[in-house]
Amino acid sequence: MNSSSSSVSTTDLNLIQLKLARYFLVPVYILGNFGNFANIALFSQRNIRGNIFCAWYFICLSLANLFVLNTGGLSRILSLLINFNLETTSIIFCKSRNYLIQTGAVIGRYFICLISIERWMVTSTNEMIRRMTSAQIALRLIVIGPCMIALFVIHVPIGFAISNERCFASLNDTYVLFFNIYNMTIITVPVIVITLFSILIFTNVRQSRHRVVPISITGSNVQAIYLTTKSAGQQRDIQFIRLALIQIFTFMLFTIGYGIYNVYDFGTSSIEKSSDRQAIEAFISGIAVNLNYVSVAVRY
């Protein structure tokens, strides 16, 4: 009886996953590609790209999102819809797919952090901090950061292997422990960074609203008035702040579930689990992964 109910439960969960792939993940994939290409076209405009370094970060973020969608998202859709899954039969595909997904995901989070930090610097009332946003620094961060990440994530193709018709971190117990800690870190660290700098951005914006500017009226008379008009550049900065906060909120909303599941999975890894529990956990993991793809598909 137990085995029959377990089989029915697993079948039902697999059917739900199939429907989610068809009616949820496919639209996410299509709209995500369209949205990210639209973002690149928007931020590539000369009047935006040439004046605001944050635009370069948004372009790089969109490229990283496209990378994740078209390496991880597409292969996941194919495996769920038509059962075409090279990940469980080809060791090369297993290692390369996970390496590319991890690299793209970490690079994307890196640029989300840069966007939040850069927006904090731009809104700072400290002139020295504002001067730190330069084209030279931005270019170095754009080139060096992703290269360092690609080198660091090289542990994935080394540690991943096919076992029990699954492609996962299975080199040895030490690597499994390392990968679980790494997986939690690449989610929690960006969340902490962007939360901190989002608070600082709000603080800076609030302070700037109450800032007064001395204006000479007649001769030596000086009157302090509130700043009520903003230049086109300031208006553009505000728009970028809004975009940054939307991207930050989206990232936190759709990745926090995956982070929580990883913590749970790591904490219960030594517990013997029934087949029903394993099926439910696999289903929850699949939902969390699907939501992760939403975070790289949202147009801002």
Protein backbone atom coordinates (compact mmCIF):
# COMPACT_ATOMS: atom_id res chain seq x y z
CA MET A 1 0.00 0.00 0.00
CA ASN A 2 2.77 2.40 0.98
CA SER A 3 4.71 1.66 -2.16
CA SER A 4 1.62 2.18 -4.33
CA SER A 5 0.78 5.51 -2.66
CA SER A 6 4.43 6.59 -3.00
CA SER A 7 4.35 5.72 -6.69
CA VAL A 8 1.11 7.69 -7.21
CA SER A 9 2.52 10.64 -5.26
CA THR A 10 5.73 10.68 -7.32
CA THR A 11 3.76 10.42 -10.56
CA ASP A 12 1.51 13.31 -9.56
CA LEU A 13 4.47 15.49 -8.61
CA ASN A 14 6.22 14.70 -11.89
CA LEU A 15 3.04 15.63 -13.77
CA ILE A 16 2.89 18.97 -11.95
CA GLN A 17 6.55 19.60 -12.83
CA LEU A 18 5.74 18.88 -16.47
CA LYS A 19 2.84 21.34 -16.46
CA LEU A 20 5.00 23.96 -14.75
CA ALA A 21 7.65 23.53 -17.44
CA ARG A 22 5.08 23.93 -20.20
CA TYR A 23 2.97 26.77 -18.83
CA PHE A 24 5.44 28.56 -16.58
CA LEU A 25 9.06 27.89 -17.54
CA VAL A 26 8.58 28.18 -21.33
CA PRO A 27 6.97 31.66 -21.07
CA VAL A 28 9.67 32.68 -18.58
CA TYR A 29 12.35 31.56 -21.06
CA ILE A 30 10.78 33.40 -24.03
CA LEU A 31 9.97 36.61 -22.15
CA GLY A 32 13.34 36.49 -20.38
CA ASN A 33 15.25 36.42 -23.66
CA PHE A 34 13.12 39.21 -25.11
CA GLY A 35 13.40 41.32 -21.96
CA ASN A 36 17.16 40.99 -21.59
CA PHE A 37 17.79 41.82 -25.26
CA ALA A 38 15.50 44.84 -24.84
CA ASN A 39 17.48 45.91 -21.77
CA ILE A 40 20.75 45.66 -23.71
CA ALA A 41 19.30 47.76 -26.55
CA LEU A 42 18.04 50.36 -24.08
CA PHE A 43 21.24 50.73 -22.06
CA SER A 44 23.42 50.66 -25.18
CA GLN A 45 22.05 54.02 -26.32
CA ARG A 46 24.92 56.50 -26.48
CA ASN A 47 23.29 59.19 -24.33
CA ILE A 48 22.82 56.65 -21.51
CA ARG A 49 25.91 54.46 -21.87
CA GLY A 50 28.30 57.38 -22.25
CA ASN A 51 27.21 59.28 -19.15
CA ILE A 52 26.29 56.67 -16.56
CA PHE A 53 28.71 53.84 -15.74
CA CYS A 54 25.88 51.90 -14.12
CA ALA A 55 24.46 51.36 -17.63
CA TRP A 56 27.47 49.17 -18.41
CA TYR A 57 26.74 47.08 -15.32
CA PHE A 58 23.12 46.66 -16.44
CA ILE A 59 24.29 45.54 -19.91
CA CYS A 60 26.68 42.99 -18.38
CA LEU A 61 23.94 41.79 -16.02
CA SER A 62 21.59 41.24 -18.97
CA LEU A 63 24.30 39.30 -20.83
CA ALA A 64 24.85 37.09 -17.76
CA ASN A 65 21.09 36.54 -17.50
CA LEU A 66 20.91 35.49 -21.16
CA PHE A 67 23.81 33.12 -20.54
CA VAL A 68 21.98 31.43 -17.65
CA LEU A 69 18.64 31.28 -19.49
CA ASN A 70 20.09 29.72 -22.63
CA THR A 71 22.41 27.22 -20.95
CA GLY A 72 20.37 26.20 -17.93
CA GLY A 73 16.80 27.23 -18.71
CA LEU A 74 16.62 25.78 -22.22
CA SER A 75 18.18 22.44 -21.26
CA ARG A 76 15.83 22.18 -18.25
CA ILE A 77 12.80 22.79 -20.46
CA LEU A 78 13.93 20.14 -22.95
CA SER A 79 14.57 17.59 -20.19
CA LEU A 80 11.12 18.12 -18.65
CA LEU A 81 9.04 18.40 -21.83
CA ILE A 82 10.59 15.83 -24.16
CA ASN A 83 12.79 13.91 -21.73
CA PHE A 84 15.90 15.00 -23.62
CA ASN A 85 18.49 15.10 -20.86
CA LEU A 86 22.13 14.70 -21.86
CA GLU A 87 23.11 15.67 -18.32
CA THR A 88 22.49 12.12 -17.09
CA THR A 89 24.22 10.37 -20.00
CA SER A 90 27.10 12.62 -21.07
CA ILE A 91 29.74 13.46 -18.46
CA ILE A 92 31.03 16.31 -20.66
CA PHE A 93 27.57 17.87 -20.86
CA CYS A 94 27.03 17.31 -17.13
CA LYS A 95 30.22 19.15 -16.17
CA SER A 96 30.07 21.93 -18.79
CA ARG A 97 26.37 22.75 -18.25
CA ASN A 98 26.74 23.15 -14.50
CA TYR A 99 29.95 25.13 -14.90
CA LEU A 100 28.31 27.55 -17.34
CA ILE A 101 25.18 27.96 -15.19
CA GLN A 102 27.20 28.57 -12.03
CA THR A 103 29.53 31.01 -13.79
CA GLY A 104 26.67 32.99 -15.34
CA ALA A 105 24.68 33.06 -12.10
CA VAL A 106 27.60 34.25 -9.95
CA ILE A 107 28.61 36.88 -12.53
CA GLY A 108 25.01 38.14 -12.59
CA ARG A 109 24.97 38.45 -8.80
CA TYR A 110 28.33 40.19 -8.93
CA PHE A 111 26.90 42.86 -11.21
CA ILE A 112 23.77 43.24 -9.06
CA CYS A 113 26.10 43.99 -6.15
CA LEU A 114 28.09 46.46 -8.28
CA ILE A 115 24.88 48.21 -9.33
CA SER A 116 23.74 48.65 -5.73
CA ILE A 117 27.20 49.86 -4.62
CA GLU A 118 27.52 52.27 -7.57
CA ARG A 119 24.07 53.75 -6.92
CA TRP A 120 25.00 54.27 -3.27
CA MET A 121 28.18 56.07 -4.32
CA VAL A 122 26.33 58.31 -6.80
CA THR A 123 23.73 59.31 -4.19
CA SER A 124 26.30 59.92 -1.44
CA THR A 125 26.60 63.43 0.00
CA ASN A 126 30.35 62.83 0.33
CA GLU A 127 32.11 64.25 -2.73
CA MET A 128 35.10 61.89 -2.36
CA ILE A 129 32.81 58.86 -2.54
CA ARG A 130 31.01 60.24 -5.60
CA ARG A 131 34.35 60.76 -7.38
CA MET A 132 35.15 57.06 -7.00
CA THR A 133 32.69 56.27 -9.80
CA SER A 134 34.91 56.54 -12.87
CA ALA A 135 35.09 54.90 -16.29
CA GLN A 136 38.50 53.42 -15.52
CA ILE A 137 37.34 51.71 -12.33
CA ALA A 138 34.13 50.49 -14.00
CA LEU A 139 36.09 48.97 -16.90
CA ARG A 140 38.44 47.15 -14.53
CA LEU A 141 35.54 45.73 -12.52
CA ILE A 142 33.77 44.61 -15.71
CA VAL A 143 36.84 42.80 -17.08
CA ILE A 144 38.60 41.47 -13.98
CA GLY A 145 35.56 40.42 -11.92
CA PRO A 146 34.01 37.91 -14.38
CA CYS A 147 37.46 36.47 -15.21
CA MET A 148 38.15 35.83 -11.51
CA ILE A 149 34.70 34.27 -11.08
CA ALA A 150 35.19 31.99 -14.10
CA LEU A 151 38.48 30.78 -12.61
CA PHE A 152 37.00 30.25 -9.14
CA VAL A 153 33.99 28.27 -10.41
CA ILE A 154 36.34 25.83 -12.18
CA HIS A 155 35.83 23.54 -9.16
CA VAL A 156 32.36 22.65 -10.55
CA PRO A 157 33.49 20.55 -13.56
CA ILE A 158 36.08 18.93 -11.30
CA GLY A 159 33.62 18.00 -8.54
CA PHE A 160 30.51 17.14 -10.56
CA ALA A 161 29.84 13.62 -11.83
CA ILE A 162 26.96 11.38 -12.92
CA SER A 163 25.71 9.04 -10.20
CA ASN A 164 22.37 7.21 -9.92
CA GLU A 165 21.23 8.89 -13.15
CA ARG A 166 21.87 12.32 -11.65
CA CYS A 167 24.50 14.96 -12.34
CA PHE A 168 25.54 16.56 -9.07
CA ALA A 169 28.46 17.37 -6.75
CA SER A 170 29.70 13.89 -5.86
CA LEU A 171 33.50 13.88 -6.01
CA ASN A 172 33.86 13.03 -2.31
CA ASP A 173 32.37 13.99 1.06
CA THR A 174 34.74 16.93 1.45
CA TYR A 175 33.74 18.42 -1.89
CA VAL A 176 30.03 17.87 -1.18
CA LEU A 177 30.46 19.83 2.06
CA PHE A 178 32.41 22.57 0.25
CA PHE A 179 29.83 22.82 -2.55
CA ASN A 180 26.93 23.15 -0.12
CA ILE A 181 28.72 25.93 1.75
CA TYR A 182 29.65 27.59 -1.56
CA ASN A 183 26.05 27.32 -2.79
CA MET A 184 24.72 29.04 0.32
CA THR A 185 27.45 31.69 0.20
CA ILE A 186 26.77 32.79 -3.41
CA ILE A 187 23.19 33.54 -2.37
CA THR A 188 23.57 34.93 1.16
CA VAL A 189 26.54 37.24 0.45
CA PRO A 190 24.81 39.09 -2.45
CA VAL A 191 21.60 39.35 -0.39
CA ILE A 192 23.53 40.90 2.52
CA VAL A 193 25.45 43.28 0.24
CA ILE A 194 22.44 44.51 -1.72
CA THR A 195 20.27 44.80 1.42
CA LEU A 196 22.93 46.92 3.13
CA PHE A 197 23.49 49.22 0.16
CA SER A 198 19.76 49.50 -0.56
CA ILE A 199 19.29 50.86 2.96
CA LEU A 200 22.20 53.25 2.39
CA ILE A 201 20.69 54.39 -0.93
CA PHE A 202 17.39 55.19 0.77
CA THR A 203 19.29 57.07 3.48
CA ASN A 204 21.23 59.11 0.90
CA VAL A 205 18.09 59.93 -1.09
CA ARG A 206 16.30 61.00 2.06
CA GLN A 207 19.20 63.24 3.07
CA SER A 208 19.43 64.80 -0.40
CA ARG A 209 15.76 65.84 -0.24
CA HIS A 210 16.46 67.91 2.86
CA ARG A 211 19.70 69.36 1.59
CA VAL A 212 19.76 73.12 1.11
CA VAL A 213 21.69 75.04 -1.52
CA PRO A 214 22.93 78.61 -0.97
CA ILE A 215 22.03 80.94 -3.84
CA SER A 216 23.19 84.54 -4.18
CA ILE A 217 20.21 86.88 -4.52
CA THR A 218 21.56 90.44 -4.37
CA GLY A 219 25.16 91.40 -3.75
CA SER A 220 26.36 89.72 -0.60
CA ASN A 221 22.91 88.51 0.48
CA VAL A 222 22.62 84.74 0.52
CA GLN A 223 19.38 82.86 0.96
CA ALA A 224 19.07 79.13 1.70
CA ILE A 225 16.32 77.40 -0.24
CA TYR A 226 15.31 73.79 -0.65
CA LEU A 227 16.43 72.04 -3.77
CA THR A 228 13.20 71.64 -5.76
CA THR A 229 14.44 71.33 -9.32
CA LYS A 230 16.72 68.69 -10.65
CA SER A 231 18.89 68.61 -13.72
CA ALA A 232 18.38 66.03 -16.45
CA GLY A 233 21.39 64.15 -15.10
CA GLN A 234 19.88 63.99 -11.61
CA GLN A 235 16.57 62.77 -13.02
CA ARG A 236 18.43 60.05 -14.90
CA ASP A 237 20.23 59.05 -11.71
CA ILE A 238 16.88 58.70 -9.94
CA GLN A 239 15.58 56.48 -12.75
CA PHE A 240 18.66 54.28 -12.43
CA ILE A 241 18.15 54.08 -8.67
CA ARG A 242 14.60 52.84 -9.26
CA LEU A 243 15.81 50.28 -11.79
CA ALA A 244 18.52 49.12 -9.39
CA LEU A 245 16.03 48.71 -6.54
CA ILE A 246 13.63 46.77 -8.80
CA GLN A 247 16.44 44.43 -9.83
CA ILE A 248 17.58 44.03 -6.22
CA PHE A 249 14.05 43.27 -5.00
CA THR A 250 13.48 40.79 -7.83
CA PHE A 251 16.72 38.97 -7.07
CA MET A 252 15.90 38.66 -3.37
CA LEU A 253 12.28 37.61 -3.97
CA PHE A 254 13.01 34.82 -6.45
CA THR A 255 16.30 33.44 -5.08
CA ILE A 256 15.62 33.41 -1.35
CA GLY A 257 13.58 30.20 -1.68
CA TYR A 258 16.47 28.40 -3.36
CA GLY A 259 18.80 29.59 -0.62
CA ILE A 260 16.45 28.37 2.12
CA TYR A 261 16.11 25.00 0.39
CA ASN A 262 19.90 24.65 0.17
CA VAL A 263 20.22 25.34 3.90
CA TYR A 264 17.51 22.75 4.61
CA ASP A 265 19.07 20.20 2.25
CA PHE A 266 22.49 20.68 3.83
CA GLY A 267 21.06 20.38 7.35
CA THR A 268 19.17 17.17 6.58
CA SER A 269 21.76 15.52 4.32
CA SER A 270 22.76 12.98 6.99
CA ILE A 271 19.15 11.92 7.68
CA GLU A 272 17.74 8.78 6.10
CA LYS A 273 14.69 9.81 4.08
CA SER A 274 11.71 7.86 2.81
CA SER A 275 10.92 7.72 -0.90
CA ASP A 276 7.89 9.99 -0.32
CA ARG A 277 10.03 12.60 1.38
CA GLN A 278 12.66 12.42 -1.36
CA ALA A 279 9.96 12.91 -4.01
CA ILE A 280 8.52 15.93 -2.19
CA GLU A 281 11.97 17.45 -1.67
CA ALA A 282 12.84 16.94 -5.35
CA PHE A 283 9.58 18.69 -6.26
CA ILE A 284 10.30 21.64 -3.94
CA SER A 285 13.83 21.86 -5.30
CA GLY A 286 12.42 22.00 -8.83
CA ILE A 287 10.08 24.85 -7.87
CA ALA A 288 12.99 26.77 -6.32
CA VAL A 289 15.09 26.26 -9.47
CA ASN A 290 12.21 27.49 -11.67
CA LEU A 291 11.89 30.64 -9.54
CA ASN A 292 15.63 31.18 -9.92
CA TYR A 293 15.11 31.44 -13.67
CA VAL A 294 12.43 34.08 -13.08
CA SER A 295 15.05 36.22 -11.32
CA VAL A 296 17.16 36.32 -14.51
CA ALA A 297 14.15 36.81 -16.80
CA VAL A 298 12.46 39.86 -15.29
CA ARG A 299 12.73 42.96 -17.46
CA TYR A 300 13.61 46.15 -15.63
